[in-house]
Amino acid sequence: MYKPITIKDIAKTLNISVSTVSKALNDHPNIGATTKERVLALAAKLDYTPNKTAIQFKQQKTFTLGIIIPTLLDHFYTIAVNGFEKIASQAKYNVLIGQSHESLRREKELVSVMHGNRIDGLLIAISKETDHTDHLRKLKRSGIPVVCLARKPVNETFSCVSSDVYRAARDAVSLFISRGHQRIGFINGPSHWATSRDRFLGYRDGLLQHKIAFDQQLVEESDLGTANNQQAVKRLMRLPSPPTAILLFKDYLMLDVMSCLRKEFPAQYPNMDLIGYGALPLFSHFEKPPLASLKEQPFEIGERAGSLLLEMVQHPQQEFNPQLISLPCKLHYF
């Protein structure tokens, strides 16, 4: 049976100590150039491969980070993962990726699996069903840092990197008003997300800034499923005085809204102005694209979240206060 080459074998062959071999392989400054060359040459000749498991056990790290997102089909999260992987790779960390598919049960399973594999830190965009965070707080208690990506539970003390959706919502409302709209609807995401709360506050404050009274009837909440999205827009359009413009939680929701408006409200659809979040490239190919979309920075969000998580991982004895980092959005016209 083949027996892997160890640093003990190299030390015995060269008649030097195991610690000297270890230092030479790790380019320690106290080891002379000649000794380093001898060690490296023999290691290459013998196809020596470091025992990562032993190294990780000694350092009490696996050099693996986890990331859980709702789905890779959403281009925001795909791009954010790329930004996160870039930062992790530069620090020589591996990345485990899991998709919750918007299921709290699946999210908990993934957290448990990653915990069992002893990840060093977790980046997570919580699912639409995640209304409590016991599973995430359990990770924190066991010494595994957690950073939220894009979606943050309301009133939780996790650091989060997301878009500045509050200011973006105000910008969208201002654009609607500049085009003469007074009845502006809003379809929001789940209310237990901080990002939904911030979008709502931006929408409301945008109206008040322009001295337009806030009307609760013009606000709907959706779980972001197609059926729920279409029910929300139908409720808005069946009001005695329906909206002439609608701000939407995200562009994928806008796709459902556009489809429903085209089929169910063909008379109003041509004059309806819509703005979402995400700036999906496919809208530029539509015969009637939406008015605009709020372009986020998912790659940069992934990078910033990765850097923040690594800082927490690499300084386990340091006390970190929760940070809320928001990157600006920009109105994008199609």
C-alpha atoms as a PDB file:
ATOM      1  CA  MET A   1       0.000   0.000   0.000  1.00  0.00           C
ATOM      2  CA  TYR A   2       1.227   3.493  -0.889  1.00  0.00           C
ATOM      3  CA  LYS A   3       2.300   5.532   2.109  1.00  0.00           C
ATOM      4  CA  PRO A   4       2.233   9.326   1.745  1.00  0.00           C
ATOM      5  CA  ILE A   5       5.548  11.125   2.128  1.00  0.00           C
ATOM      6  CA  THR A   6       5.770  13.111   5.353  1.00  0.00           C
ATOM      7  CA  ILE A   7       8.124  15.777   6.615  1.00  0.00           C
ATOM      8  CA  LYS A   8       9.602  13.095   8.877  1.00  0.00           C
ATOM      9  CA  ASP A   9      10.710  11.171   5.772  1.00  0.00           C
ATOM     10  CA  ILE A  10      12.343  14.304   4.339  1.00  0.00           C
ATOM     11  CA  ALA A  11      14.040  15.058   7.673  1.00  0.00           C
ATOM     12  CA  LYS A  12      15.397  11.497   7.959  1.00  0.00           C
ATOM     13  CA  THR A  13      16.744  11.488   4.397  1.00  0.00           C
ATOM     14  CA  LEU A  14      18.497  14.843   4.841  1.00  0.00           C
ATOM     15  CA  ASN A  15      19.539  14.086   8.441  1.00  0.00           C
ATOM     16  CA  ILE A  16      17.993  17.267   9.804  1.00  0.00           C
ATOM     17  CA  SER A  17      15.213  17.963  12.308  1.00  0.00           C
ATOM     18  CA  VAL A  18      11.514  17.844  11.499  1.00  0.00           C
ATOM     19  CA  SER A  19      11.130  21.456  12.662  1.00  0.00           C
ATOM     20  CA  THR A  20      13.869  22.556  10.236  1.00  0.00           C
ATOM     21  CA  VAL A  21      12.045  20.850   7.346  1.00  0.00           C
ATOM     22  CA  SER A  22       8.766  22.477   8.379  1.00  0.00           C
ATOM     23  CA  LYS A  23      10.345  25.931   8.543  1.00  0.00           C
ATOM     24  CA  ALA A  24      12.087  25.450   5.197  1.00  0.00           C
ATOM     25  CA  LEU A  25       8.826  24.426   3.518  1.00  0.00           C
ATOM     26  CA  ASN A  26       7.146  27.520   4.977  1.00  0.00           C
ATOM     27  CA  ASP A  27       9.979  29.867   3.921  1.00  0.00           C
ATOM     28  CA  HIS A  28      10.923  30.741   7.498  1.00  0.00           C
ATOM     29  CA  PRO A  29      13.575  33.526   7.619  1.00  0.00           C
ATOM     30  CA  ASN A  30      15.734  31.666  10.157  1.00  0.00           C
ATOM     31  CA  ILE A  31      16.517  28.837   7.721  1.00  0.00           C
ATOM     32  CA  GLY A  32      19.479  29.282   5.393  1.00  0.00           C
ATOM     33  CA  ALA A  33      19.097  29.372   1.610  1.00  0.00           C
ATOM     34  CA  THR A  34      21.111  26.161   1.083  1.00  0.00           C
ATOM     35  CA  THR A  35      18.995  24.176   3.535  1.00  0.00           C
ATOM     36  CA  LYS A  36      15.793  25.524   1.974  1.00  0.00           C
ATOM     37  CA  GLU A  37      16.956  24.500  -1.492  1.00  0.00           C
ATOM     38  CA  ARG A  38      17.825  20.967  -0.321  1.00  0.00           C
ATOM     39  CA  VAL A  39      14.453  20.557   1.418  1.00  0.00           C
ATOM     40  CA  LEU A  40      12.422  21.937  -1.493  1.00  0.00           C
ATOM     41  CA  ALA A  41      14.319  19.867  -4.051  1.00  0.00           C
ATOM     42  CA  LEU A  42      13.770  16.619  -2.144  1.00  0.00           C
ATOM     43  CA  ALA A  43      10.117  17.479  -1.459  1.00  0.00           C
ATOM     44  CA  ALA A  44       9.563  17.997  -5.196  1.00  0.00           C
ATOM     45  CA  LYS A  45      11.428  14.790  -6.067  1.00  0.00           C
ATOM     46  CA  LEU A  46       9.341  12.764  -3.603  1.00  0.00           C
ATOM     47  CA  ASP A  47       6.033  14.472  -4.604  1.00  0.00           C
ATOM     48  CA  TYR A  48       5.510  15.626  -1.057  1.00  0.00           C
ATOM     49  CA  THR A  49       2.032  17.091  -0.404  1.00  0.00           C
ATOM     50  CA  PRO A  50       1.304  18.907   2.891  1.00  0.00           C
ATOM     51  CA  ASN A  51      -1.240  17.209   5.130  1.00  0.00           C
ATOM     52  CA  LYS A  52      -3.894  19.927   5.146  1.00  0.00           C
ATOM     53  CA  THR A  53      -6.021  18.111   7.686  1.00  0.00           C
ATOM     54  CA  ALA A  54      -3.172  18.070  10.177  1.00  0.00           C
ATOM     55  CA  ILE A  55      -2.377  21.714   9.506  1.00  0.00           C
ATOM     56  CA  GLN A  56      -6.009  22.705   9.928  1.00  0.00           C
ATOM     57  CA  PHE A  57      -6.295  20.694  13.131  1.00  0.00           C
ATOM     58  CA  LYS A  58      -3.213  22.409  14.535  1.00  0.00           C
ATOM     59  CA  GLN A  59      -4.499  25.865  13.602  1.00  0.00           C
ATOM     60  CA  GLN A  60      -8.105  24.991  14.544  1.00  0.00           C
ATOM     61  CA  LYS A  61      -9.272  26.239  11.146  1.00  0.00           C
ATOM     62  CA  THR A  62     -10.566  24.622   7.981  1.00  0.00           C
ATOM     63  CA  PHE A  63      -9.887  27.652   5.756  1.00  0.00           C
ATOM     64  CA  THR A  64     -13.404  27.227   4.407  1.00  0.00           C
ATOM     65  CA  LEU A  65     -16.146  29.845   4.322  1.00  0.00           C
ATOM     66  CA  GLY A  66     -19.813  29.151   3.692  1.00  0.00           C
ATOM     67  CA  ILE A  67     -22.305  31.202   1.719  1.00  0.00           C
ATOM     68  CA  ILE A  68     -26.050  30.519   1.618  1.00  0.00           C
ATOM     69  CA  ILE A  69     -28.214  32.346  -0.914  1.00  0.00           C
ATOM     70  CA  PRO A  70     -31.835  31.911  -2.025  1.00  0.00           C
ATOM     71  CA  THR A  71     -30.929  30.828  -5.576  1.00  0.00           C
ATOM     72  CA  LEU A  72     -28.175  31.074  -8.164  1.00  0.00           C
ATOM     73  CA  LEU A  73     -30.865  31.776 -10.767  1.00  0.00           C
ATOM     74  CA  ASP A  74     -31.074  35.343  -9.437  1.00  0.00           C
ATOM     75  CA  HIS A  75     -28.277  37.228 -11.188  1.00  0.00           C
ATOM     76  CA  PHE A  76     -27.796  39.501  -8.133  1.00  0.00           C
ATOM     77  CA  TYR A  77     -26.711  36.562  -5.991  1.00  0.00           C
ATOM     78  CA  THR A  78     -24.662  34.914  -8.749  1.00  0.00           C
ATOM     79  CA  ILE A  79     -22.627  38.107  -9.146  1.00  0.00           C
ATOM     80  CA  ALA A  80     -22.378  38.604  -5.367  1.00  0.00           C
ATOM     81  CA  VAL A  81     -20.997  35.057  -5.002  1.00  0.00           C
ATOM     82  CA  ASN A  82     -18.316  35.907  -7.578  1.00  0.00           C
ATOM     83  CA  GLY A  83     -17.271  38.940  -5.541  1.00  0.00           C
ATOM     84  CA  PHE A  84     -17.214  36.880  -2.355  1.00  0.00           C
ATOM     85  CA  GLU A  85     -15.174  34.083  -3.973  1.00  0.00           C
ATOM     86  CA  LYS A  86     -12.625  36.596  -5.244  1.00  0.00           C
ATOM     87  CA  ILE A  87     -11.953  37.864  -1.722  1.00  0.00           C
ATOM     88  CA  ALA A  88     -11.922  34.342  -0.245  1.00  0.00           C
ATOM     89  CA  SER A  89      -9.528  33.061  -2.922  1.00  0.00           C
ATOM     90  CA  GLN A  90      -7.103  35.928  -2.369  1.00  0.00           C
ATOM     91  CA  ALA A  91      -6.969  34.951   1.309  1.00  0.00           C
ATOM     92  CA  LYS A  92      -6.537  31.264   0.316  1.00  0.00           C
ATOM     93  CA  TYR A  93      -9.932  30.206   1.646  1.00  0.00           C
ATOM     94  CA  ASN A  94     -12.267  27.744  -0.030  1.00  0.00           C
ATOM     95  CA  VAL A  95     -15.992  28.475  -0.393  1.00  0.00           C
ATOM     96  CA  LEU A  96     -18.981  26.191   0.162  1.00  0.00           C
ATOM     97  CA  ILE A  97     -22.117  27.414  -1.626  1.00  0.00           C
ATOM     98  CA  GLY A  98     -25.667  26.430  -0.676  1.00  0.00           C
ATOM     99  CA  GLN A  99     -29.062  27.446  -2.057  1.00  0.00           C
ATOM    100  CA  SER A 100     -32.011  27.657   0.327  1.00  0.00           C
ATOM    101  CA  HIS A 101     -34.564  27.993  -2.503  1.00  0.00           C
ATOM    102  CA  GLU A 102     -36.398  30.429  -0.202  1.00  0.00           C
ATOM    103  CA  SER A 103     -37.050  27.644   2.332  1.00  0.00           C
ATOM    104  CA  LEU A 104     -36.335  28.120   6.041  1.00  0.00           C
ATOM    105  CA  ARG A 105     -36.167  24.348   6.503  1.00  0.00           C
ATOM    106  CA  ARG A 106     -33.535  24.031   3.772  1.00  0.00           C
ATOM    107  CA  GLU A 107     -31.642  27.014   5.160  1.00  0.00           C
ATOM    108  CA  LYS A 108     -31.454  25.352   8.572  1.00  0.00           C
ATOM    109  CA  GLU A 109     -30.254  22.110   6.976  1.00  0.00           C
ATOM    110  CA  LEU A 110     -27.493  23.952   5.133  1.00  0.00           C
ATOM    111  CA  VAL A 111     -26.416  25.794   8.278  1.00  0.00           C
ATOM    112  CA  SER A 112     -26.265  22.478  10.139  1.00  0.00           C
ATOM    113  CA  VAL A 113     -24.222  20.801   7.402  1.00  0.00           C
ATOM    114  CA  MET A 114     -21.792  23.698   7.190  1.00  0.00           C
ATOM    115  CA  HIS A 115     -21.507  23.781  10.978  1.00  0.00           C
ATOM    116  CA  GLY A 116     -20.732  20.063  10.957  1.00  0.00           C
ATOM    117  CA  ASN A 117     -18.020  20.625   8.371  1.00  0.00           C
ATOM    118  CA  ARG A 118     -16.635  23.335  10.626  1.00  0.00           C
ATOM    119  CA  ILE A 119     -16.680  26.307   8.320  1.00  0.00           C
ATOM    120  CA  ASP A 120     -14.736  29.271   9.683  1.00  0.00           C
ATOM    121  CA  GLY A 121     -17.444  31.817   8.852  1.00  0.00           C
ATOM    122  CA  LEU A 122     -20.816  32.164   7.115  1.00  0.00           C
ATOM    123  CA  LEU A 123     -22.228  34.722   4.698  1.00  0.00           C
ATOM    124  CA  ILE A 124     -25.996  34.437   4.263  1.00  0.00           C
ATOM    125  CA  ALA A 125     -28.886  36.021   2.412  1.00  0.00           C
ATOM    126  CA  ILE A 126     -31.798  34.730   4.475  1.00  0.00           C
ATOM    127  CA  SER A 127     -34.781  33.051   2.812  1.00  0.00           C
ATOM    128  CA  LYS A 128     -38.180  34.699   2.476  1.00  0.00           C
ATOM    129  CA  GLU A 129     -39.480  32.278   5.155  1.00  0.00           C
ATOM    130  CA  THR A 130     -36.780  33.165   7.703  1.00  0.00           C
ATOM    131  CA  ASP A 131     -38.649  34.956  10.471  1.00  0.00           C
ATOM    132  CA  HIS A 132     -36.290  33.915  13.294  1.00  0.00           C
ATOM    133  CA  THR A 133     -32.541  33.334  13.533  1.00  0.00           C
ATOM    134  CA  ASP A 134     -31.996  30.718  16.234  1.00  0.00           C
ATOM    135  CA  HIS A 135     -29.905  28.639  13.808  1.00  0.00           C
ATOM    136  CA  LEU A 136     -27.646  31.608  13.017  1.00  0.00           C
ATOM    137  CA  ARG A 137     -27.234  32.653  16.639  1.00  0.00           C
ATOM    138  CA  LYS A 138     -26.202  29.070  17.414  1.00  0.00           C
ATOM    139  CA  LEU A 139     -23.318  29.463  14.940  1.00  0.00           C
ATOM    140  CA  LYS A 140     -22.242  32.718  16.586  1.00  0.00           C
ATOM    141  CA  ARG A 141     -22.296  31.103  20.019  1.00  0.00           C
ATOM    142  CA  SER A 142     -19.998  28.347  18.748  1.00  0.00           C
ATOM    143  CA  GLY A 143     -17.465  30.905  17.547  1.00  0.00           C
ATOM    144  CA  ILE A 144     -18.400  31.012  13.850  1.00  0.00           C
ATOM    145  CA  PRO A 145     -18.953  34.590  12.635  1.00  0.00           C
ATOM    146  CA  VAL A 146     -22.067  35.339  10.573  1.00  0.00           C
ATOM    147  CA  VAL A 147     -22.517  38.234   8.139  1.00  0.00           C
ATOM    148  CA  CYS A 148     -25.766  38.928   6.288  1.00  0.00           C
ATOM    149  CA  LEU A 149     -25.811  39.673   2.592  1.00  0.00           C
ATOM    150  CA  ALA A 150     -28.489  41.957   1.065  1.00  0.00           C
ATOM    151  CA  ARG A 151     -31.258  40.657   3.348  1.00  0.00           C
ATOM    152  CA  LYS A 152     -31.046  41.226   7.087  1.00  0.00           C
ATOM    153  CA  PRO A 153     -33.567  40.134   9.720  1.00  0.00           C
ATOM    154  CA  VAL A 154     -35.198  43.075  11.479  1.00  0.00           C
ATOM    155  CA  ASN A 155     -33.883  43.838  14.987  1.00  0.00           C
ATOM    156  CA  GLU A 156     -31.027  41.306  14.805  1.00  0.00           C
ATOM    157  CA  THR A 157     -27.438  42.121  15.745  1.00  0.00           C
ATOM    158  CA  PHE A 158     -25.750  40.679  12.669  1.00  0.00           C
ATOM    159  CA  SER A 159     -23.482  42.736  10.471  1.00  0.00           C
ATOM    160  CA  CYS A 160     -24.907  43.207   6.991  1.00  0.00           C
ATOM    161  CA  VAL A 161     -23.707  44.471   3.610  1.00  0.00           C
ATOM    162  CA  SER A 162     -26.487  45.543   1.275  1.00  0.00           C
ATOM    163  CA  SER A 163     -27.701  48.243  -1.091  1.00  0.00           C
ATOM    164  CA  ASP A 164     -28.779  51.687   0.068  1.00  0.00           C
ATOM    165  CA  VAL A 165     -32.381  50.857  -0.783  1.00  0.00           C
ATOM    166  CA  TYR A 166     -33.769  53.714   1.330  1.00  0.00           C
ATOM    167  CA  ARG A 167     -32.170  56.467  -0.746  1.00  0.00           C
ATOM    168  CA  ALA A 168     -32.893  54.508  -3.927  1.00  0.00           C
ATOM    169  CA  ALA A 169     -36.609  54.387  -3.102  1.00  0.00           C
ATOM    170  CA  ARG A 170     -36.643  58.140  -2.523  1.00  0.00           C
ATOM    171  CA  ASP A 171     -34.920  58.675  -5.891  1.00  0.00           C
ATOM    172  CA  ALA A 172     -37.512  56.487  -7.618  1.00  0.00           C
ATOM    173  CA  VAL A 173     -40.420  58.375  -6.043  1.00  0.00           C
ATOM    174  CA  SER A 174     -38.857  61.691  -7.066  1.00  0.00           C
ATOM    175  CA  LEU A 175     -38.596  60.471 -10.661  1.00  0.00           C
ATOM    176  CA  PHE A 176     -42.238  59.377 -10.684  1.00  0.00           C
ATOM    177  CA  ILE A 177     -43.340  62.759  -9.348  1.00  0.00           C
ATOM    178  CA  SER A 178     -41.221  64.622 -11.916  1.00  0.00           C
ATOM    179  CA  ARG A 179     -43.270  62.783 -14.563  1.00  0.00           C
ATOM    180  CA  GLY A 180     -46.524  64.018 -13.067  1.00  0.00           C
ATOM    181  CA  HIS A 181     -47.555  60.986 -10.975  1.00  0.00           C
ATOM    182  CA  GLN A 182     -49.447  61.576  -7.730  1.00  0.00           C
ATOM    183  CA  ARG A 183     -50.866  58.080  -7.141  1.00  0.00           C
ATOM    184  CA  ILE A 184     -47.725  55.979  -6.654  1.00  0.00           C
ATOM    185  CA  GLY A 185     -48.109  52.368  -5.573  1.00  0.00           C
ATOM    186  CA  PHE A 186     -45.534  50.176  -3.867  1.00  0.00           C
ATOM    187  CA  ILE A 187     -45.225  46.381  -3.782  1.00  0.00           C
ATOM    188  CA  ASN A 188     -42.771  45.408  -1.061  1.00  0.00           C
ATOM    189  CA  GLY A 189     -41.104  42.173   0.026  1.00  0.00           C
ATOM    190  CA  PRO A 190     -41.588  40.288   3.329  1.00  0.00           C
ATOM    191  CA  SER A 191     -41.934  42.682   6.261  1.00  0.00           C
ATOM    192  CA  HIS A 192     -39.550  40.709   8.518  1.00  0.00           C
ATOM    193  CA  TRP A 193     -36.581  41.828   6.387  1.00  0.00           C
ATOM    194  CA  ALA A 194     -34.757  45.038   7.233  1.00  0.00           C
ATOM    195  CA  THR A 195     -34.341  45.720   3.506  1.00  0.00           C
ATOM    196  CA  SER A 196     -38.143  45.707   3.082  1.00  0.00           C
ATOM    197  CA  ARG A 197     -38.483  48.126   5.973  1.00  0.00           C
ATOM    198  CA  ASP A 198     -35.851  50.442   4.462  1.00  0.00           C
ATOM    199  CA  ARG A 199     -37.495  50.374   1.034  1.00  0.00           C
ATOM    200  CA  PHE A 200     -40.826  51.259   2.610  1.00  0.00           C
ATOM    201  CA  LEU A 201     -39.361  54.138   4.615  1.00  0.00           C
ATOM    202  CA  GLY A 202     -37.674  55.503   1.500  1.00  0.00           C
ATOM    203  CA  TYR A 203     -40.944  55.282  -0.432  1.00  0.00           C
ATOM    204  CA  ARG A 204     -42.938  56.975   2.347  1.00  0.00           C
ATOM    205  CA  ASP A 205     -40.366  59.693   2.982  1.00  0.00           C
ATOM    206  CA  GLY A 206     -40.059  60.332  -0.747  1.00  0.00           C
ATOM    207  CA  LEU A 207     -43.770  61.077  -0.900  1.00  0.00           C
ATOM    208  CA  LEU A 208     -43.694  63.308   2.175  1.00  0.00           C
ATOM    209  CA  GLN A 209     -40.644  65.162   0.835  1.00  0.00           C
ATOM    210  CA  HIS A 210     -42.784  66.216  -2.118  1.00  0.00           C
ATOM    211  CA  LYS A 211     -45.792  66.977   0.098  1.00  0.00           C
ATOM    212  CA  ILE A 212     -47.829  64.011  -1.158  1.00  0.00           C
ATOM    213  CA  ALA A 213     -49.902  62.337   1.558  1.00  0.00           C
ATOM    214  CA  PHE A 214     -48.996  58.730   2.326  1.00  0.00           C
ATOM    215  CA  ASP A 215     -51.862  56.335   1.525  1.00  0.00           C
ATOM    216  CA  GLN A 216     -51.593  52.854   3.105  1.00  0.00           C
ATOM    217  CA  GLN A 217     -53.979  51.474   0.457  1.00  0.00           C
ATOM    218  CA  LEU A 218     -51.266  51.973  -2.147  1.00  0.00           C
ATOM    219  CA  VAL A 219     -48.848  49.634  -0.353  1.00  0.00           C
ATOM    220  CA  GLU A 220     -48.891  45.855  -0.810  1.00  0.00           C
ATOM    221  CA  GLU A 221     -46.633  43.122   0.568  1.00  0.00           C
ATOM    222  CA  SER A 222     -45.647  40.014  -1.399  1.00  0.00           C
ATOM    223  CA  ASP A 223     -43.757  36.843  -0.571  1.00  0.00           C
ATOM    224  CA  LEU A 224     -42.143  37.296  -4.019  1.00  0.00           C
ATOM    225  CA  GLY A 225     -43.834  34.230  -5.480  1.00  0.00           C
ATOM    226  CA  THR A 226     -45.520  34.725  -8.872  1.00  0.00           C
ATOM    227  CA  ALA A 227     -49.053  34.168  -7.598  1.00  0.00           C
ATOM    228  CA  ASN A 228     -48.569  36.549  -4.680  1.00  0.00           C
ATOM    229  CA  ASN A 229     -46.967  39.173  -6.913  1.00  0.00           C
ATOM    230  CA  GLN A 230     -49.894  39.149  -9.296  1.00  0.00           C
ATOM    231  CA  GLN A 231     -52.457  39.214  -6.484  1.00  0.00           C
ATOM    232  CA  ALA A 232     -50.728  42.294  -5.075  1.00  0.00           C
ATOM    233  CA  VAL A 233     -50.875  44.253  -8.324  1.00  0.00           C
ATOM    234  CA  LYS A 234     -54.503  43.237  -8.896  1.00  0.00           C
ATOM    235  CA  ARG A 235     -55.452  44.629  -5.477  1.00  0.00           C
ATOM    236  CA  LEU A 236     -53.760  47.910  -6.336  1.00  0.00           C
ATOM    237  CA  MET A 237     -55.350  48.200  -9.770  1.00  0.00           C
ATOM    238  CA  ARG A 238     -58.848  47.482  -8.421  1.00  0.00           C
ATOM    239  CA  LEU A 239     -58.754  50.415  -6.022  1.00  0.00           C
ATOM    240  CA  PRO A 240     -61.316  53.186  -6.730  1.00  0.00           C
ATOM    241  CA  SER A 241     -58.339  55.396  -7.557  1.00  0.00           C
ATOM    242  CA  PRO A 242     -55.570  53.016  -8.726  1.00  0.00           C
ATOM    243  CA  PRO A 243     -51.903  53.982  -9.016  1.00  0.00           C
ATOM    244  CA  THR A 244     -50.459  55.352 -12.239  1.00  0.00           C
ATOM    245  CA  ALA A 245     -46.929  54.324 -11.246  1.00  0.00           C
ATOM    246  CA  ILE A 246     -45.591  51.496  -9.057  1.00  0.00           C
ATOM    247  CA  LEU A 247     -42.304  51.002  -7.216  1.00  0.00           C
ATOM    248  CA  LEU A 248     -41.414  47.302  -6.910  1.00  0.00           C
ATOM    249  CA  PHE A 249     -39.208  45.423  -4.473  1.00  0.00           C
ATOM    250  CA  LYS A 250     -37.126  43.934  -7.287  1.00  0.00           C
ATOM    251  CA  ASP A 251     -37.067  43.402 -11.038  1.00  0.00           C
ATOM    252  CA  TYR A 252     -38.088  39.739 -10.913  1.00  0.00           C
ATOM    253  CA  LEU A 253     -41.275  40.859  -9.180  1.00  0.00           C
ATOM    254  CA  MET A 254     -41.671  43.475 -11.919  1.00  0.00           C
ATOM    255  CA  LEU A 255     -41.712  40.738 -14.571  1.00  0.00           C
ATOM    256  CA  ASP A 256     -44.787  39.208 -12.919  1.00  0.00           C
ATOM    257  CA  VAL A 257     -46.408  42.618 -12.535  1.00  0.00           C
ATOM    258  CA  MET A 258     -45.848  43.518 -16.184  1.00  0.00           C
ATOM    259  CA  SER A 259     -47.329  40.204 -17.314  1.00  0.00           C
ATOM    260  CA  CYS A 260     -50.400  40.699 -15.116  1.00  0.00           C
ATOM    261  CA  LEU A 261     -50.933  44.311 -16.207  1.00  0.00           C
ATOM    262  CA  ARG A 262     -50.651  43.395 -19.869  1.00  0.00           C
ATOM    263  CA  LYS A 263     -53.265  40.633 -19.562  1.00  0.00           C
ATOM    264  CA  GLU A 264     -55.637  41.947 -16.887  1.00  0.00           C
ATOM    265  CA  PHE A 265     -55.424  45.731 -17.301  1.00  0.00           C
ATOM    266  CA  PRO A 266     -54.578  46.374 -20.973  1.00  0.00           C
ATOM    267  CA  ALA A 267     -56.106  49.855 -20.970  1.00  0.00           C
ATOM    268  CA  GLN A 268     -53.941  51.118 -18.084  1.00  0.00           C
ATOM    269  CA  TYR A 269     -50.763  49.226 -18.961  1.00  0.00           C
ATOM    270  CA  PRO A 270     -49.426  51.499 -21.755  1.00  0.00           C
ATOM    271  CA  ASN A 271     -49.398  54.529 -19.433  1.00  0.00           C
ATOM    272  CA  MET A 272     -48.124  52.734 -16.320  1.00  0.00           C
ATOM    273  CA  ASP A 273     -44.603  53.693 -15.132  1.00  0.00           C
ATOM    274  CA  LEU A 274     -42.690  50.999 -13.230  1.00  0.00           C
ATOM    275  CA  ILE A 275     -39.388  51.017 -11.352  1.00  0.00           C
ATOM    276  CA  GLY A 276     -37.781  48.006  -9.673  1.00  0.00           C
ATOM    277  CA  TYR A 277     -34.406  47.044  -8.218  1.00  0.00           C
ATOM    278  CA  GLY A 278     -31.749  45.076 -10.089  1.00  0.00           C
ATOM    279  CA  ALA A 279     -31.465  46.512 -13.618  1.00  0.00           C
ATOM    280  CA  LEU A 280     -32.028  43.178 -15.351  1.00  0.00           C
ATOM    281  CA  PRO A 281     -30.329  43.385 -18.779  1.00  0.00           C
ATOM    282  CA  LEU A 282     -33.210  41.559 -20.479  1.00  0.00           C
ATOM    283  CA  PHE A 283     -35.474  44.618 -20.101  1.00  0.00           C
ATOM    284  CA  SER A 284     -33.511  46.418 -22.817  1.00  0.00           C
ATOM    285  CA  HIS A 285     -34.957  43.907 -25.304  1.00  0.00           C
ATOM    286  CA  PHE A 286     -38.597  44.559 -24.335  1.00  0.00           C
ATOM    287  CA  GLU A 287     -40.889  46.404 -26.741  1.00  0.00           C
ATOM    288  CA  LYS A 288     -42.237  48.300 -23.720  1.00  0.00           C
ATOM    289  CA  PRO A 289     -39.534  48.267 -21.056  1.00  0.00           C
ATOM    290  CA  PRO A 290     -40.144  49.659 -17.567  1.00  0.00           C
ATOM    291  CA  LEU A 291     -39.381  53.315 -16.926  1.00  0.00           C
ATOM    292  CA  ALA A 292     -36.201  52.493 -14.999  1.00  0.00           C
ATOM    293  CA  SER A 293     -34.573  50.208 -12.465  1.00  0.00           C
ATOM    294  CA  LEU A 294     -32.332  50.858  -9.497  1.00  0.00           C
ATOM    295  CA  LYS A 295     -28.963  49.373 -10.359  1.00  0.00           C
ATOM    296  CA  GLU A 296     -27.236  47.753  -7.402  1.00  0.00           C
ATOM    297  CA  GLN A 297     -23.593  46.679  -6.959  1.00  0.00           C
ATOM    298  CA  PRO A 298     -23.760  42.944  -6.228  1.00  0.00           C
ATOM    299  CA  PHE A 299     -20.100  42.170  -7.010  1.00  0.00           C
ATOM    300  CA  GLU A 300     -18.896  44.939  -4.710  1.00  0.00           C
ATOM    301  CA  ILE A 301     -21.412  43.861  -2.063  1.00  0.00           C
ATOM    302  CA  GLY A 302     -19.985  40.318  -2.218  1.00  0.00           C
ATOM    303  CA  GLU A 303     -16.456  41.712  -1.903  1.00  0.00           C
ATOM    304  CA  ARG A 304     -17.264  43.962   1.059  1.00  0.00           C
ATOM    305  CA  ALA A 305     -19.175  41.213   2.842  1.00  0.00           C
ATOM    306  CA  GLY A 306     -16.308  38.778   2.246  1.00  0.00           C
ATOM    307  CA  SER A 307     -13.732  41.227   3.582  1.00  0.00           C
ATOM    308  CA  LEU A 308     -15.836  41.899   6.671  1.00  0.00           C
ATOM    309  CA  LEU A 309     -16.342  38.185   7.320  1.00  0.00           C
ATOM    310  CA  LEU A 310     -12.630  37.412   6.884  1.00  0.00           C
ATOM    311  CA  GLU A 311     -11.714  40.177   9.303  1.00  0.00           C
ATOM    312  CA  MET A 312     -13.955  38.565  11.911  1.00  0.00           C
ATOM    313  CA  VAL A 313     -12.603  35.079  11.149  1.00  0.00           C
ATOM    314  CA  GLN A 314      -8.960  36.131  11.328  1.00  0.00           C
ATOM    315  CA  HIS A 315      -9.352  38.047  14.598  1.00  0.00           C
ATOM    316  CA  PRO A 316     -11.467  35.713  16.751  1.00  0.00           C
ATOM    317  CA  GLN A 317     -10.430  37.371  20.024  1.00  0.00           C
ATOM    318  CA  GLN A 318     -11.537  40.838  18.875  1.00  0.00           C
ATOM    319  CA  GLU A 319     -14.962  42.177  19.766  1.00  0.00           C
ATOM    320  CA  PHE A 320     -16.806  43.343  16.646  1.00  0.00           C
ATOM    321  CA  ASN A 321     -19.755  45.708  16.842  1.00  0.00           C
ATOM    322  CA  PRO A 322     -22.449  45.016  14.220  1.00  0.00           C
ATOM    323  CA  GLN A 323     -21.841  46.976  11.034  1.00  0.00           C
ATOM    324  CA  LEU A 324     -24.481  47.977   8.495  1.00  0.00           C
ATOM    325  CA  ILE A 325     -22.768  48.794   5.212  1.00  0.00           C
ATOM    326  CA  SER A 326     -24.915  50.163   2.388  1.00  0.00           C
ATOM    327  CA  LEU A 327     -23.654  50.638  -1.153  1.00  0.00           C
ATOM    328  CA  PRO A 328     -25.425  53.220  -3.349  1.00  0.00           C
ATOM    329  CA  CYS A 329     -27.858  52.371  -6.144  1.00  0.00           C
ATOM    330  CA  LYS A 330     -28.136  54.308  -9.389  1.00  0.00           C
ATOM    331  CA  LEU A 331     -31.203  54.875 -11.537  1.00  0.00           C
ATOM    332  CA  HIS A 332     -30.792  52.938 -14.769  1.00  0.00           C
ATOM    333  CA  TYR A 333     -32.929  53.734 -17.785  1.00  0.00           C
ATOM    334  CA  PHE A 334     -33.748  51.175 -20.484  1.00  0.00           C
END
